[in-house]
Structures are given as C-alpha cells and as structure tokens.
Protein backbone atom coordinates (compact mmCIF):
# COMPACT_ATOMS: atom_id res chain seq x y z
CA MET A 1 64.99 25.04 131.36
CA PRO A 2 61.28 24.05 131.15
CA PHE A 3 61.31 23.68 127.33
CA ASP A 4 62.60 21.07 124.88
CA HIS A 5 64.48 21.51 121.58
CA VAL A 6 66.19 24.64 122.91
CA ILE A 7 68.50 26.64 120.61
CA ARG A 8 71.54 27.58 122.68
CA THR A 9 74.13 29.20 120.40
CA PRO A 10 74.24 31.79 117.60
CA ASP A 11 75.42 29.07 115.21
CA GLU A 12 72.33 27.02 116.01
CA LEU A 13 70.17 30.11 115.44
CA TYR A 14 71.50 30.69 111.95
CA ALA A 15 71.08 27.03 111.11
CA THR A 16 67.35 27.77 111.49
CA TYR A 17 67.17 31.39 110.29
CA SER A 18 68.78 33.14 107.34
CA GLU A 19 71.64 35.58 107.86
CA PRO A 20 70.44 39.21 107.85
CA GLY A 21 70.92 41.17 104.64
CA ASP A 22 73.39 44.00 104.22
CA GLY A 23 70.65 46.63 104.53
CA VAL A 24 69.47 45.22 107.86
CA ARG A 25 73.01 45.22 109.19
CA ALA A 26 73.67 48.76 108.00
CA LYS A 27 70.47 50.46 109.19
CA ALA A 28 71.67 51.20 112.74
CA VAL A 29 73.05 54.70 113.25
CA ALA A 30 75.29 55.93 116.06
CA THR A 31 73.95 59.48 116.29
CA PHE A 32 70.50 61.02 116.57
CA ASP A 33 70.13 62.29 113.02
CA GLU A 34 67.25 64.42 111.76
CA HIS A 35 65.03 61.37 111.30
CA CYS A 36 65.55 60.08 114.84
CA ARG A 37 65.01 63.57 116.26
CA ALA A 38 61.81 64.08 114.28
CA TYR A 39 60.43 60.71 115.38
CA ILE A 40 61.22 61.20 119.08
CA ALA A 41 59.76 64.73 118.99
CA ARG A 42 56.44 63.26 117.83
CA SER A 43 56.35 60.27 120.14
CA PRO A 44 54.12 60.39 123.25
CA PHE A 45 54.96 56.84 124.34
CA VAL A 46 58.10 54.76 124.85
CA LEU A 47 58.72 51.28 126.21
CA VAL A 48 61.80 51.16 128.46
CA ALA A 49 63.68 47.86 128.81
CA THR A 50 66.29 47.35 131.53
CA MET A 51 68.08 44.51 133.28
CA ASP A 52 69.28 44.10 136.85
CA ALA A 53 72.62 42.75 138.07
CA ASP A 54 71.25 39.17 138.13
CA GLY A 55 70.02 39.34 134.54
CA ARG A 56 66.32 39.76 135.35
CA CYS A 57 64.68 41.84 132.61
CA ASP A 58 61.91 44.40 132.87
CA VAL A 59 59.93 46.54 130.42
CA SER A 60 58.11 49.65 131.63
CA PRO A 61 55.82 51.99 129.63
CA ARG A 62 56.45 55.74 129.82
CA GLY A 63 54.15 58.39 128.37
CA GLY A 64 53.57 62.12 128.12
CA ASP A 65 52.88 64.83 125.62
CA ALA A 66 54.55 64.25 122.26
CA GLY A 67 58.21 65.06 122.69
CA PHE A 68 58.30 64.47 126.45
CA VAL A 69 61.55 62.61 125.81
CA THR A 70 64.10 65.12 124.57
CA VAL A 71 67.20 64.70 122.44
CA LEU A 72 69.94 66.77 124.09
CA ASP A 73 72.61 66.43 121.41
CA ASP A 74 73.87 63.96 118.81
CA THR A 75 74.23 61.08 121.27
CA ARG A 76 72.23 61.91 124.41
CA LEU A 77 68.56 62.00 125.34
CA ALA A 78 66.62 62.52 128.56
CA ILE A 79 63.52 60.73 129.85
CA PRO A 80 61.70 62.39 132.78
CA ASP A 81 60.68 59.98 135.53
CA ALA A 82 57.02 60.84 136.11
CA SER A 83 55.19 59.91 139.30
CA GLY A 84 54.63 56.16 139.63
CA ASN A 85 54.17 53.48 142.28
CA ASN A 86 57.69 53.78 143.71
CA ARG A 87 58.66 50.21 142.84
CA LEU A 88 61.46 51.92 140.88
CA ASP A 89 62.21 48.77 138.87
CA THR A 90 63.60 50.73 135.92
CA LEU A 91 65.65 53.17 137.98
CA ARG A 92 67.04 50.46 140.24
CA ASN A 93 68.04 48.34 137.25
CA VAL A 94 69.81 51.30 135.64
CA THR A 95 71.85 51.91 138.80
CA GLN A 96 72.92 48.25 138.73
CA THR A 97 73.80 47.73 135.07
CA GLY A 98 73.65 51.08 133.26
CA GLN A 99 72.05 49.45 130.21
CA ILE A 100 68.80 50.40 128.48
CA GLY A 101 66.68 49.64 125.41
CA LEU A 102 63.92 51.93 124.17
CA LEU A 103 61.05 51.42 121.72
CA PHE A 104 59.40 54.68 120.64
CA LEU A 105 55.88 54.66 119.14
CA ILE A 106 53.83 57.25 117.28
CA PRO A 107 50.07 56.49 117.35
CA GLY A 108 48.85 55.29 113.97
CA MET A 109 52.37 54.69 112.63
CA SER A 110 53.45 51.07 112.29
CA GLU A 111 57.20 51.63 112.10
CA THR A 112 58.84 52.09 115.52
CA LEU A 113 62.17 53.57 116.55
CA ARG A 114 64.54 51.44 118.61
CA VAL A 115 67.27 53.00 120.71
CA ASN A 116 69.89 51.04 122.65
CA GLY A 117 72.41 52.67 124.93
CA ARG A 118 74.04 53.25 128.27
CA ALA A 119 71.94 54.89 130.96
CA CYS A 120 72.23 56.73 134.25
CA ILE A 121 69.88 58.40 136.72
CA THR A 122 70.50 62.13 137.15
CA THR A 123 69.07 64.85 139.38
CA ASP A 124 70.72 67.66 137.41
CA PRO A 125 68.62 70.74 138.36
CA GLU A 126 68.63 72.11 134.81
CA LEU A 127 67.36 68.83 133.36
CA LEU A 128 64.67 68.51 136.04
CA ALA A 129 63.43 72.06 135.38
CA ALA A 130 63.34 71.40 131.62
CA HIS A 131 61.24 68.24 131.98
CA VAL A 132 58.12 69.24 133.90
CA VAL A 133 55.64 66.35 133.75
CA GLY A 134 52.09 65.48 134.72
CA GLN A 135 50.47 68.26 136.72
CA GLY A 136 53.22 70.79 136.19
CA LYS A 137 55.70 69.23 138.61
CA PRO A 138 59.39 68.66 137.86
CA PRO A 139 60.38 65.00 138.11
CA LYS A 140 62.52 63.76 140.99
CA ALA A 141 64.98 62.33 138.48
CA VAL A 142 65.70 62.00 134.78
CA ILE A 143 66.98 58.95 132.94
CA GLY A 144 69.94 59.99 130.86
CA VAL A 145 70.71 57.83 127.82
CA ASP A 146 74.00 57.78 125.93
CA LEU A 147 73.33 56.32 122.48
CA VAL A 148 74.97 53.14 121.21
CA GLU A 149 72.65 52.55 118.25
CA ALA A 150 69.29 53.64 116.87
CA PHE A 151 67.28 52.21 114.01
CA LEU A 152 63.81 52.11 112.51
CA HIS A 153 61.98 48.83 113.10
CA CYS A 154 59.74 47.50 110.34
CA ALA A 155 55.93 47.56 110.49
CA LYS A 156 55.27 43.81 110.33
CA ALA A 157 54.34 43.28 114.01
CA PHE A 158 51.82 46.14 113.89
CA MET A 159 50.41 44.93 110.58
CA ARG A 160 49.99 41.39 111.93
CA SER A 161 48.40 42.58 115.17
CA HIS A 162 46.19 45.27 113.55
CA LEU A 163 47.10 47.38 116.57
CA TRP A 164 45.95 50.69 115.11
CA GLU A 165 42.74 49.31 113.62
CA PRO A 166 39.87 49.69 116.15
CA GLY A 167 37.61 47.43 114.11
CA ALA A 168 40.06 44.54 114.61
CA TRP A 169 40.55 45.00 118.35
CA PRO A 170 39.63 41.92 120.42
CA ASP A 171 36.38 41.78 122.38
CA ARG A 172 37.09 42.61 126.03
CA SER A 173 33.90 41.08 127.39
CA GLY A 174 34.81 38.54 130.07
CA LEU A 175 38.00 40.43 130.95
CA ALA A 176 38.01 41.56 134.58
CA ARG A 177 38.06 45.28 135.29
CA PRO A 178 41.57 46.53 136.22
CA ALA A 179 40.45 47.27 139.78
CA GLN A 180 39.34 43.63 140.15
CA ILE A 181 42.72 42.39 138.93
CA TRP A 182 44.56 44.63 141.40
CA LYS A 183 42.22 43.59 144.20
CA ASP A 184 42.84 39.90 143.53
CA HIS A 185 46.59 40.14 142.92
CA ILE A 186 47.25 42.29 145.98
CA GLY A 187 44.69 40.56 148.17
CA MET A 188 42.85 43.77 149.02
CA PRO A 189 39.92 43.15 151.43
CA GLU A 190 38.09 46.35 150.42
CA PRO A 191 34.93 46.12 148.27
CA LEU A 192 35.51 46.48 144.54
CA ASP A 193 33.77 49.87 144.42
CA ASP A 194 36.21 51.21 147.03
CA VAL A 195 39.18 49.89 145.05
CA GLU A 196 37.87 51.56 141.89
CA ALA A 197 37.38 54.84 143.76
CA TRP A 198 40.93 54.64 145.13
CA LEU A 199 42.29 53.94 141.65
CA ALA A 200 40.36 56.83 140.09
CA ASN A 201 41.62 59.20 142.79
CA ASP A 202 45.20 58.04 142.27
CA TYR A 203 44.96 58.65 138.53
CA ALA A 204 43.42 62.07 139.11
CA THR A 205 45.90 63.32 141.71
CA ASN A 206 49.22 61.55 141.07
CA MET A 207 49.92 62.10 137.38
C-alpha cells in the first residue's frame, strides 16, 4: 500500500467519523417507488460502476434521451448497451461478478439517485426491440439490473463543485484537445488533424 496512516477496519473508520443517523440508515428502499421511477424517467445520464473477478473496479458513463434506462417493474430495470469501443469493460465485469452500482443524474439537479443491485447481460429480443438507441438501431445487448437498494444522494458534492454553474467552470486553456490526448496515449503516428477527422467521423457514424 503506497500510503501511510491507512484505516483498515470499519471500527477504525468510526473512530474517525460519526455513526450515520437513523434517517440516513433508513433512506434506502428495496423497490422502485414512484420517486425512483420519476427520477430515472427524467435522467439522460448514468454512471455505471462494476468490478471484475479480481476486484478491479471500473466506472463507465452511459447516456441517451431522458428515460433511456427503463424501469421494468418494482425491482428490475434495463440499460441498453449503445455502440462503444468494444473494450466491453462493463459487460465483461458483469459476466464475472454480477454486481453493479448506478448513479443517475438529471442536468441542473444536485441530488442524484443511487441504485445498487445484481446484474446480468441479456439479448432478450423483446428488450432489445424496446431499447432502440443512437441512430435508430437496437442494441446488441441490454444490462438487466435486479435491485438491492436505491436511495437519493444529497446535493453537497454538486454544491461544492458548482457543477451546474457555467460561471464557475474551470478555465480549459492549456488543456490538450481530446484528439491530442488520444494520439499521445495510443501512440498514433497520424497528424493531429487526421486524428480529429477520424474522431469526428466516429462520433457522427457510430452513435
């Protein structure tokens, strides 16, 4: 472990932090009630956290029109797997551990909705047909989530970061263009203009 003064047990944690209050403990629900359903129906963006069999964690952003993730019933939801880069980190992790954590966002709203559950990858034809994504194409697969708990997360992180306040956004001057970062990380020999053209074409044709 490359850090000192490491907290290693729950007892050590609560020697530093206070115990959570009764309201915090009680806020998790085990079904998608009307509030959860209304939030998910208005969310165009979700962060998907998974873990592989060796404990390596990954978080992947997923987006679409508001409501692209659908609640199927009181305990199940479906996330279409839109076209990506075929690394398949999220899908591969789900096949290995079947565990998932979701963080739903609504633009301009500082409270988020957290969903934890069990997951699988399904190619059920009815689910694929019901979750057309991008340029009108059905996904190759859908992530099915069986709910363990859902709860609203407080606004403090968004208030501290001023995430929805354009006037407080950091200056991006000096930050390399995304194409330059890809070029350097991948080691692409092509000129930067060619990399940017490739990236623009990929975004235009593979949504």
